[in-house]
C-alpha atoms as a PDB file:
ATOM      1  CA  MET A   1      75.769 101.306 115.503  1.00  0.00           C
ATOM      2  CA  SER A   2      76.266 101.078 111.770  1.00  0.00           C
ATOM      3  CA  GLN A   3      79.535 100.903 109.928  1.00  0.00           C
ATOM      4  CA  GLU A   4      80.170 101.853 106.319  1.00  0.00           C
ATOM      5  CA  THR A   5      83.224 101.949 104.184  1.00  0.00           C
ATOM      6  CA  CYS A   6      84.658 105.380 103.460  1.00  0.00           C
ATOM      7  CA  PRO A   7      85.568 105.500  99.740  1.00  0.00           C
ATOM      8  CA  GLY A   8      88.169 107.653  98.163  1.00  0.00           C
ATOM      9  CA  GLU A   9      90.702 108.035 100.972  1.00  0.00           C
ATOM     10  CA  PHE A  10      93.443 107.141  98.507  1.00  0.00           C
ATOM     11  CA  GLY A  11      91.813 108.650  95.427  1.00  0.00           C
ATOM     12  CA  TYR A  12      90.156 105.408  94.311  1.00  0.00           C
ATOM     13  CA  ASP A  13      87.393 103.119  95.519  1.00  0.00           C
ATOM     14  CA  LEU A  14      88.974 101.177  98.376  1.00  0.00           C
ATOM     15  CA  ALA A  15      85.938  98.947  98.789  1.00  0.00           C
ATOM     16  CA  ALA A  16      86.190  97.899  95.150  1.00  0.00           C
ATOM     17  CA  THR A  17      89.777  96.727  95.535  1.00  0.00           C
ATOM     18  CA  ARG A  18      88.788  94.485  98.459  1.00  0.00           C
ATOM     19  CA  SER A  19      92.470  94.342  99.329  1.00  0.00           C
ATOM     20  CA  ILE A  20      93.318  97.580 101.100  1.00  0.00           C
ATOM     21  CA  PRO A  21      92.725  98.297 104.779  1.00  0.00           C
ATOM     22  CA  CYS A  22      90.190 101.094 104.652  1.00  0.00           C
ATOM     23  CA  PHE A  23      89.016 103.697 107.079  1.00  0.00           C
ATOM     24  CA  THR A  24      85.620 103.359 108.668  1.00  0.00           C
ATOM     25  CA  ARG A  25      83.271 105.882 110.128  1.00  0.00           C
ATOM     26  CA  PHE A  26      80.431 105.384 112.546  1.00  0.00           C
ATOM     27  CA  ASP A  27      76.963 106.903 112.441  1.00  0.00           C
ATOM     28  CA  LEU A  28      76.460 108.174 115.976  1.00  0.00           C
ATOM     29  CA  GLN A  29      73.412 109.470 117.734  1.00  0.00           C
ATOM     30  CA  ILE A  30      74.566 112.054 120.240  1.00  0.00           C
ATOM     31  CA  PRO A  31      72.773 111.386 123.532  1.00  0.00           C
ATOM     32  CA  LYS A  32      71.230 114.123 125.588  1.00  0.00           C
ATOM     33  CA  PRO A  33      73.010 115.335 128.744  1.00  0.00           C
ATOM     34  CA  GLY A  34      72.593 112.788 131.474  1.00  0.00           C
ATOM     35  CA  GLN A  35      72.201 109.917 129.006  1.00  0.00           C
ATOM     36  CA  LEU A  36      75.883 109.531 128.188  1.00  0.00           C
ATOM     37  CA  SER A  37      77.616 106.473 129.598  1.00  0.00           C
ATOM     38  CA  PRO A  38      80.640 104.395 128.606  1.00  0.00           C
ATOM     39  CA  GLY A  39      78.384 101.505 127.658  1.00  0.00           C
ATOM     40  CA  SER A  40      76.191 103.531 125.331  1.00  0.00           C
ATOM     41  CA  LEU A  41      78.800 104.111 122.622  1.00  0.00           C
ATOM     42  CA  TRP A  42      81.946 102.581 121.187  1.00  0.00           C
ATOM     43  CA  PRO A  43      84.872 103.780 123.345  1.00  0.00           C
ATOM     44  CA  GLY A  44      86.325 106.219 120.822  1.00  0.00           C
ATOM     45  CA  ALA A  45      83.042 108.049 120.350  1.00  0.00           C
ATOM     46  CA  PHE A  46      82.449 108.212 124.093  1.00  0.00           C
ATOM     47  CA  ASN A  47      85.895 109.724 124.561  1.00  0.00           C
ATOM     48  CA  LEU A  48      85.489 112.261 121.757  1.00  0.00           C
ATOM     49  CA  ILE A  49      82.009 113.400 122.785  1.00  0.00           C
ATOM     50  CA  HIS A  50      83.137 113.938 126.349  1.00  0.00           C
ATOM     51  CA  ARG A  51      86.007 116.101 125.253  1.00  0.00           C
ATOM     52  CA  ALA A  52      83.678 118.134 123.077  1.00  0.00           C
ATOM     53  CA  THR A  53      80.874 118.601 125.594  1.00  0.00           C
ATOM     54  CA  GLN A  54      82.742 118.409 128.901  1.00  0.00           C
ATOM     55  CA  LEU A  55      79.947 116.238 130.277  1.00  0.00           C
ATOM     56  CA  PRO A  56      80.670 114.661 133.674  1.00  0.00           C
ATOM     57  CA  ILE A  57      81.896 111.088 133.893  1.00  0.00           C
ATOM     58  CA  GLY A  58      80.842 109.455 137.141  1.00  0.00           C
ATOM     59  CA  GLY A  59      80.357 112.840 138.765  1.00  0.00           C
ATOM     60  CA  VAL A  60      83.785 114.121 137.663  1.00  0.00           C
ATOM     61  CA  THR A  61      83.944 116.714 134.881  1.00  0.00           C
ATOM     62  CA  LEU A  62      86.829 116.351 132.477  1.00  0.00           C
ATOM     63  CA  GLY A  63      89.370 119.098 132.916  1.00  0.00           C
ATOM     64  CA  LYS A  64      91.420 120.781 130.248  1.00  0.00           C
ATOM     65  CA  SER A  65      94.560 118.746 130.699  1.00  0.00           C
ATOM     66  CA  LEU A  66      96.836 118.174 127.716  1.00  0.00           C
ATOM     67  CA  VAL A  67      95.683 114.563 127.558  1.00  0.00           C
ATOM     68  CA  ASP A  68      92.031 115.659 127.419  1.00  0.00           C
ATOM     69  CA  LYS A  69      92.865 118.273 124.808  1.00  0.00           C
ATOM     70  CA  TYR A  70      94.967 116.238 122.406  1.00  0.00           C
ATOM     71  CA  ALA A  71      94.975 112.501 123.159  1.00  0.00           C
ATOM     72  CA  LEU A  72      93.020 110.002 121.075  1.00  0.00           C
ATOM     73  CA  LEU A  73      92.480 106.284 121.385  1.00  0.00           C
ATOM     74  CA  PRO A  74      94.681 103.993 119.258  1.00  0.00           C
ATOM     75  CA  ASP A  75      92.134 103.390 116.487  1.00  0.00           C
ATOM     76  CA  GLU A  76      91.383 107.101 116.313  1.00  0.00           C
ATOM     77  CA  ILE A  77      95.077 107.931 116.103  1.00  0.00           C
ATOM     78  CA  ASP A  78      95.468 105.424 113.284  1.00  0.00           C
ATOM     79  CA  ARG A  79      92.634 106.844 111.210  1.00  0.00           C
ATOM     80  CA  GLU A  80      93.477 110.488 111.803  1.00  0.00           C
ATOM     81  CA  SER A  81      97.191 109.962 111.135  1.00  0.00           C
ATOM     82  CA  LEU A  82      96.572 108.289 107.793  1.00  0.00           C
ATOM     83  CA  LYS A  83      94.130 110.999 106.759  1.00  0.00           C
ATOM     84  CA  MET A  84      96.702 113.670 107.599  1.00  0.00           C
ATOM     85  CA  VAL A  85      99.430 111.777 105.732  1.00  0.00           C
ATOM     86  CA  GLN A  86      97.191 111.394 102.699  1.00  0.00           C
ATOM     87  CA  ALA A  87      96.466 115.112 102.685  1.00  0.00           C
ATOM     88  CA  CYS A  88     100.120 116.140 102.572  1.00  0.00           C
ATOM     89  CA  LEU A  89     101.562 113.565 100.162  1.00  0.00           C
ATOM     90  CA  PRO A  90     103.117 114.996  96.989  1.00  0.00           C
ATOM     91  CA  LYS A  91     100.919 114.925  93.921  1.00  0.00           C
ATOM     92  CA  GLY A  92     101.614 112.756  90.924  1.00  0.00           C
ATOM     93  CA  LEU A  93     103.026 109.683  92.674  1.00  0.00           C
ATOM     94  CA  SER A  94     102.842 106.758  90.286  1.00  0.00           C
ATOM     95  CA  LEU A  95     101.900 103.962  92.655  1.00  0.00           C
ATOM     96  CA  GLY A  96      99.372 101.169  92.828  1.00  0.00           C
ATOM     97  CA  ALA A  97      96.799 101.047  95.604  1.00  0.00           C
ATOM     98  CA  GLU A  98      98.768  98.653  97.783  1.00  0.00           C
ATOM     99  CA  GLU A  99     102.024 100.524  97.255  1.00  0.00           C
ATOM    100  CA  HIS A 100     100.254 103.741  98.180  1.00  0.00           C
ATOM    101  CA  TYR A 101      99.078 102.216 101.446  1.00  0.00           C
ATOM    102  CA  VAL A 102     102.587 101.024 102.324  1.00  0.00           C
ATOM    103  CA  LEU A 103     103.965 104.480 101.497  1.00  0.00           C
ATOM    104  CA  CYS A 104     101.432 106.109 103.830  1.00  0.00           C
ATOM    105  CA  ARG A 105     102.555 103.833 106.648  1.00  0.00           C
ATOM    106  CA  ILE A 106     106.204 104.680 106.025  1.00  0.00           C
ATOM    107  CA  VAL A 107     105.530 108.427 105.900  1.00  0.00           C
ATOM    108  CA  ARG A 108     103.542 108.203 109.113  1.00  0.00           C
ATOM    109  CA  ALA A 109     106.401 106.379 110.846  1.00  0.00           C
ATOM    110  CA  GLU A 110     108.972 108.896 109.618  1.00  0.00           C
ATOM    111  CA  GLY A 111     106.802 111.991 110.089  1.00  0.00           C
ATOM    112  CA  ASP A 112     108.125 113.327 106.793  1.00  0.00           C
ATOM    113  CA  PRO A 113     106.040 113.438 103.588  1.00  0.00           C
ATOM    114  CA  GLY A 114     109.165 114.607 101.781  1.00  0.00           C
ATOM    115  CA  ILE A 115     110.492 111.083 101.929  1.00  0.00           C
ATOM    116  CA  SER A 116     107.821 109.926  99.478  1.00  0.00           C
ATOM    117  CA  HIS A 117     109.882 110.395  96.324  1.00  0.00           C
ATOM    118  CA  ASP A 118     112.712 108.291  97.797  1.00  0.00           C
ATOM    119  CA  VAL A 119     110.551 105.259  98.628  1.00  0.00           C
ATOM    120  CA  LYS A 120     111.078 102.703  95.863  1.00  0.00           C
ATOM    121  CA  PHE A 121     109.269  99.456  95.122  1.00  0.00           C
ATOM    122  CA  SER A 122     110.451  96.791  92.725  1.00  0.00           C
ATOM    123  CA  PRO A 123     107.593  95.843  90.368  1.00  0.00           C
ATOM    124  CA  ASP A 124     106.751  92.625  92.237  1.00  0.00           C
ATOM    125  CA  ALA A 125     107.609  93.704  95.782  1.00  0.00           C
ATOM    126  CA  ILE A 126     104.134  93.753  97.317  1.00  0.00           C
ATOM    127  CA  SER A 127     102.938  90.505  95.748  1.00  0.00           C
ATOM    128  CA  ALA A 128     106.177  88.712  96.650  1.00  0.00           C
ATOM    129  CA  GLY A 129     106.043  89.903 100.253  1.00  0.00           C
ATOM    130  CA  LEU A 130     102.386  88.981 100.675  1.00  0.00           C
ATOM    131  CA  GLU A 131     102.895  85.541  99.189  1.00  0.00           C
ATOM    132  CA  ALA A 132     105.760  84.877 101.599  1.00  0.00           C
ATOM    133  CA  LEU A 133     103.722  85.977 104.605  1.00  0.00           C
ATOM    134  CA  LYS A 134     100.723  83.909 103.529  1.00  0.00           C
ATOM    135  CA  SER A 135     103.041  80.903 103.213  1.00  0.00           C
ATOM    136  CA  GLY A 136     104.274  81.364 106.785  1.00  0.00           C
ATOM    137  CA  GLU A 137     107.848  82.290 105.911  1.00  0.00           C
ATOM    138  CA  ASN A 138     110.198  83.837 108.466  1.00  0.00           C
ATOM    139  CA  ILE A 139     110.421  87.569 109.058  1.00  0.00           C
ATOM    140  CA  ILE A 140     114.096  88.382 109.623  1.00  0.00           C
ATOM    141  CA  THR A 141     115.181  91.675 111.217  1.00  0.00           C
ATOM    142  CA  ASP A 142     118.654  93.086 111.600  1.00  0.00           C
ATOM    143  CA  VAL A 143     118.069  94.683 115.010  1.00  0.00           C
ATOM    144  CA  ARG A 144     115.655  94.356 117.928  1.00  0.00           C
ATOM    145  CA  MET A 145     114.259  97.841 117.294  1.00  0.00           C
ATOM    146  CA  VAL A 146     112.771  96.647 114.007  1.00  0.00           C
ATOM    147  CA  GLU A 147     111.532  93.439 115.581  1.00  0.00           C
ATOM    148  CA  MET A 148     109.882  95.244 118.493  1.00  0.00           C
ATOM    149  CA  GLY A 149     108.107  97.635 116.126  1.00  0.00           C
ATOM    150  CA  ILE A 150     106.268  94.837 114.329  1.00  0.00           C
ATOM    151  CA  SER A 151     102.739  94.299 115.628  1.00  0.00           C
ATOM    152  CA  LYS A 152     102.713  91.307 117.952  1.00  0.00           C
ATOM    153  CA  LEU A 153      98.959  90.943 117.579  1.00  0.00           C
ATOM    154  CA  SER A 154      99.220  90.847 113.792  1.00  0.00           C
ATOM    155  CA  LEU A 155     101.994  88.263 113.984  1.00  0.00           C
ATOM    156  CA  LYS A 156      99.987  86.108 116.385  1.00  0.00           C
ATOM    157  CA  ASN A 157      96.832  86.293 114.295  1.00  0.00           C
ATOM    158  CA  ALA A 158      98.785  85.356 111.167  1.00  0.00           C
ATOM    159  CA  GLY A 159     100.764  82.587 112.863  1.00  0.00           C
ATOM    160  CA  LEU A 160     104.062  84.229 111.945  1.00  0.00           C
ATOM    161  CA  GLN A 161     107.285  84.759 113.842  1.00  0.00           C
ATOM    162  CA  THR A 162     110.279  87.051 113.669  1.00  0.00           C
ATOM    163  CA  ARG A 163     113.945  86.170 114.032  1.00  0.00           C
ATOM    164  CA  CYS A 164     116.693  88.491 115.266  1.00  0.00           C
ATOM    165  CA  VAL A 165     120.006  87.412 116.794  1.00  0.00           C
ATOM    166  CA  ILE A 166     122.000  90.658 116.875  1.00  0.00           C
ATOM    167  CA  ASP A 167     122.387  90.580 120.670  1.00  0.00           C
ATOM    168  CA  THR A 168     123.152  86.884 121.160  1.00  0.00           C
ATOM    169  CA  LYS A 169     126.409  85.431 122.430  1.00  0.00           C
ATOM    170  CA  GLU A 170     126.764  83.363 119.279  1.00  0.00           C
ATOM    171  CA  VAL A 171     126.782  86.489 117.128  1.00  0.00           C
ATOM    172  CA  ALA A 172     129.202  88.309 119.421  1.00  0.00           C
ATOM    173  CA  ASP A 173     131.572  85.340 119.296  1.00  0.00           C
ATOM    174  CA  ARG A 174     131.255  85.056 115.526  1.00  0.00           C
ATOM    175  CA  ALA A 175     131.941  88.746 115.005  1.00  0.00           C
ATOM    176  CA  LEU A 176     135.076  88.485 117.142  1.00  0.00           C
ATOM    177  CA  ARG A 177     136.202  85.305 115.394  1.00  0.00           C
ATOM    178  CA  GLU A 178     135.663  86.693 111.895  1.00  0.00           C
ATOM    179  CA  GLY A 179     136.904  90.196 112.691  1.00  0.00           C
ATOM    180  CA  THR A 180     133.689  91.837 111.559  1.00  0.00           C
ATOM    181  CA  THR A 181     130.692  93.700 112.954  1.00  0.00           C
ATOM    182  CA  ARG A 182     127.784  92.130 114.799  1.00  0.00           C
ATOM    183  CA  SER A 183     125.440  93.413 112.098  1.00  0.00           C
ATOM    184  CA  ILE A 184     127.288  91.393 109.471  1.00  0.00           C
ATOM    185  CA  ALA A 185     127.761  88.399 111.769  1.00  0.00           C
ATOM    186  CA  SER A 186     124.057  88.308 112.642  1.00  0.00           C
ATOM    187  CA  LEU A 187     122.984  88.038 108.998  1.00  0.00           C
ATOM    188  CA  ARG A 188     125.521  85.261 108.450  1.00  0.00           C
ATOM    189  CA  GLU A 189     124.263  83.492 111.569  1.00  0.00           C
ATOM    190  CA  LEU A 190     120.723  83.613 110.189  1.00  0.00           C
ATOM    191  CA  ALA A 191     121.708  82.138 106.811  1.00  0.00           C
ATOM    192  CA  PRO A 192     119.632  78.938 107.298  1.00  0.00           C
ATOM    193  CA  TYR A 193     116.475  81.039 107.672  1.00  0.00           C
ATOM    194  CA  LEU A 194     116.969  83.640 104.934  1.00  0.00           C
ATOM    195  CA  GLY A 195     115.704  81.674 101.949  1.00  0.00           C
ATOM    196  CA  ASN A 196     112.172  82.748 100.934  1.00  0.00           C
ATOM    197  CA  SER A 197     111.948  84.998 103.991  1.00  0.00           C
ATOM    198  CA  VAL A 198     110.963  88.637 104.366  1.00  0.00           C
ATOM    199  CA  VAL A 199     114.108  90.461 105.511  1.00  0.00           C
ATOM    200  CA  ALA A 200     113.635  93.870 107.165  1.00  0.00           C
ATOM    201  CA  ILE A 201     116.826  95.900 107.606  1.00  0.00           C
ATOM    202  CA  GLY A 202     116.434  99.238 109.361  1.00  0.00           C
ATOM    203  CA  ASN A 203     119.754  99.987 110.981  1.00  0.00           C
ATOM    204  CA  ALA A 204     123.188  99.134 109.594  1.00  0.00           C
ATOM    205  CA  PRO A 205     124.053  99.417 105.894  1.00  0.00           C
ATOM    206  CA  THR A 206     126.649  96.688 106.458  1.00  0.00           C
ATOM    207  CA  ALA A 207     123.842  94.223 107.236  1.00  0.00           C
ATOM    208  CA  LEU A 208     122.269  94.925 103.852  1.00  0.00           C
ATOM    209  CA  LEU A 209     125.633  94.633 102.109  1.00  0.00           C
ATOM    210  CA  ALA A 210     126.310  91.305 103.842  1.00  0.00           C
ATOM    211  CA  LEU A 211     122.912  90.003 102.751  1.00  0.00           C
ATOM    212  CA  LEU A 212     123.534  91.013  99.136  1.00  0.00           C
ATOM    213  CA  ASP A 213     126.963  89.338  99.220  1.00  0.00           C
ATOM    214  CA  MET A 214     125.393  86.075 100.392  1.00  0.00           C
ATOM    215  CA  ILE A 215     122.833  86.264  97.592  1.00  0.00           C
ATOM    216  CA  ASP A 216     125.464  87.097  94.968  1.00  0.00           C
ATOM    217  CA  ASN A 217     127.689  84.224  96.128  1.00  0.00           C
ATOM    218  CA  GLU A 218     124.697  81.872  96.193  1.00  0.00           C
ATOM    219  CA  ASP A 219     125.398  81.069  99.823  1.00  0.00           C
ATOM    220  CA  ILE A 220     121.650  81.233 100.489  1.00  0.00           C
ATOM    221  CA  PRO A 221     118.431  80.892  98.495  1.00  0.00           C
ATOM    222  CA  LYS A 222     117.022  84.313  97.695  1.00  0.00           C
ATOM    223  CA  PRO A 223     114.684  85.953 100.200  1.00  0.00           C
ATOM    224  CA  SER A 224     111.174  86.613  98.936  1.00  0.00           C
ATOM    225  CA  LEU A 225     111.419  90.308  99.800  1.00  0.00           C
ATOM    226  CA  ILE A 226     114.112  92.632 101.130  1.00  0.00           C
ATOM    227  CA  ILE A 227     112.929  95.711 103.017  1.00  0.00           C
ATOM    228  CA  GLY A 228     116.187  97.632 102.753  1.00  0.00           C
ATOM    229  CA  MET A 229     115.958 100.749 104.888  1.00  0.00           C
ATOM    230  CA  PRO A 230     119.226 101.226 106.793  1.00  0.00           C
ATOM    231  CA  VAL A 231     119.959 104.756 107.918  1.00  0.00           C
ATOM    232  CA  GLY A 232     123.211 106.695 108.018  1.00  0.00           C
ATOM    233  CA  PHE A 233     126.015 108.230 106.014  1.00  0.00           C
ATOM    234  CA  VAL A 234     128.795 105.665 105.520  1.00  0.00           C
ATOM    235  CA  ALA A 235     127.871 103.152 102.791  1.00  0.00           C
ATOM    236  CA  CYS A 236     124.159 103.774 103.327  1.00  0.00           C
ATOM    237  CA  PRO A 237     123.141 105.244  99.939  1.00  0.00           C
ATOM    238  CA  GLU A 238     125.497 102.791  98.258  1.00  0.00           C
ATOM    239  CA  SER A 239     123.937  99.753  99.949  1.00  0.00           C
ATOM    240  CA  LYS A 240     120.483 100.735  98.719  1.00  0.00           C
ATOM    241  CA  GLU A 241     121.744 101.469  95.219  1.00  0.00           C
ATOM    242  CA  GLU A 242     123.243  97.975  95.140  1.00  0.00           C
ATOM    243  CA  LEU A 243     119.924  96.535  96.295  1.00  0.00           C
ATOM    244  CA  THR A 244     118.085  98.101  93.360  1.00  0.00           C
ATOM    245  CA  LYS A 245     120.478  96.389  90.928  1.00  0.00           C
ATOM    246  CA  ARG A 246     119.460  92.906  92.103  1.00  0.00           C
ATOM    247  CA  SER A 247     116.556  90.807  90.895  1.00  0.00           C
ATOM    248  CA  THR A 248     115.336  90.105  94.433  1.00  0.00           C
ATOM    249  CA  PRO A 249     112.084  91.992  95.170  1.00  0.00           C
ATOM    250  CA  TYR A 250     112.659  95.001  97.397  1.00  0.00           C
ATOM    251  CA  ILE A 251     111.139  98.016  99.103  1.00  0.00           C
ATOM    252  CA  SER A 252     113.669 100.694  99.984  1.00  0.00           C
ATOM    253  CA  ILE A 253     114.197 104.347 100.867  1.00  0.00           C
ATOM    254  CA  LEU A 254     116.996 105.660  98.688  1.00  0.00           C
ATOM    255  CA  GLY A 255     119.665 107.907 100.136  1.00  0.00           C
ATOM    256  CA  ARG A 256     120.659 108.361 103.761  1.00  0.00           C
ATOM    257  CA  ARG A 257     117.229 108.222 105.344  1.00  0.00           C
ATOM    258  CA  GLY A 258     115.432 105.156 106.647  1.00  0.00           C
ATOM    259  CA  GLY A 259     115.523 103.542 110.065  1.00  0.00           C
ATOM    260  CA  SER A 260     113.927 100.928 112.282  1.00  0.00           C
ATOM    261  CA  SER A 261     110.546 102.656 112.435  1.00  0.00           C
ATOM    262  CA  ALA A 262     110.242 102.743 108.640  1.00  0.00           C
ATOM    263  CA  ALA A 263     111.266  99.089 108.266  1.00  0.00           C
ATOM    264  CA  ALA A 264     108.817  97.964 110.956  1.00  0.00           C
ATOM    265  CA  ALA A 265     106.044 100.117 109.478  1.00  0.00           C
ATOM    266  CA  THR A 266     106.565  98.433 106.110  1.00  0.00           C
ATOM    267  CA  VAL A 267     106.175  94.975 107.635  1.00  0.00           C
ATOM    268  CA  ASN A 268     103.073  96.107 109.524  1.00  0.00           C
ATOM    269  CA  ALA A 269     101.584  97.506 106.323  1.00  0.00           C
ATOM    270  CA  LEU A 270     102.108  94.162 104.580  1.00  0.00           C
ATOM    271  CA  LEU A 271     100.481  92.364 107.503  1.00  0.00           C
ATOM    272  CA  ASP A 272      97.507  94.752 107.205  1.00  0.00           C
ATOM    273  CA  LEU A 273      97.207  94.063 103.486  1.00  0.00           C
ATOM    274  CA  MET A 274      97.390  90.318 103.999  1.00  0.00           C
ATOM    275  CA  LYS A 275      94.660  90.454 106.636  1.00  0.00           C
ATOM    276  CA  SER A 276      92.409  92.533 104.380  1.00  0.00           C
ATOM    277  CA  GLN A 277      92.860  90.147 101.467  1.00  0.00           C
ATOM    278  CA  GLN A 278      92.068  87.138 103.630  1.00  0.00           C
ATOM    279  CA  GLU A 279      88.976  88.805 105.105  1.00  0.00           C
ATOM    280  CA  ALA A 280      87.729  89.627 101.605  1.00  0.00           C
ATOM    281  CA  LEU A 281      87.732  85.968 100.553  1.00  0.00           C
END
């Protein structure tokens, strides 16, 4: 089995950048009927060839179930999804290679290429986020949905951890005591961990507003990167507009759209980029 880098998926030479996770393709020799076995090919190819040829597996011929017709293995889904996203992105986006990769991950998570023009990066967002992750800084999330969407394998391999306290008794008690929401109380509870961290907010605009207040009041050292992607109507566009006025590096989706999946996808994209950079050394 041979593996070669596929150039040009993003309109430039990915191999030359040595910093972007790139797609791979495999040169396969299709076996003759009767020679096909799970051990003869990488799993994805074995799966795809079977669906195409309907050859029997262990004496059982694959039927035409919906799983057989449409399902792919995880790596296949990843490659095909990013190719489809790339094909339907708007033309003329003024982004660097790494920003483009992060955007693709966000669009894939949202299922909406139309969101592309609303995704905004501060000039130093990617470099600041990567530096923080390489230094082992905390990844703070506002809700468990963001935390659960971040790749556990990538975190383990990088020696990183996430912190989220939205559902703890301490936060519930603090919210009651201060007469505020748990979203606000949770960010205040995490104040000792916010300095130099990567903060991913994908739910409540009030969490982002609380974070900006703490930064403005110098209650905390600045985070290295704010992924500000709350979703909703009340105070949501305003919270992101306020974020763009600050000097703290940020990645955001302007307007009402956003959500936990987009915030988690952004963190995962940064973890991918960090891994690629480290492997290129």
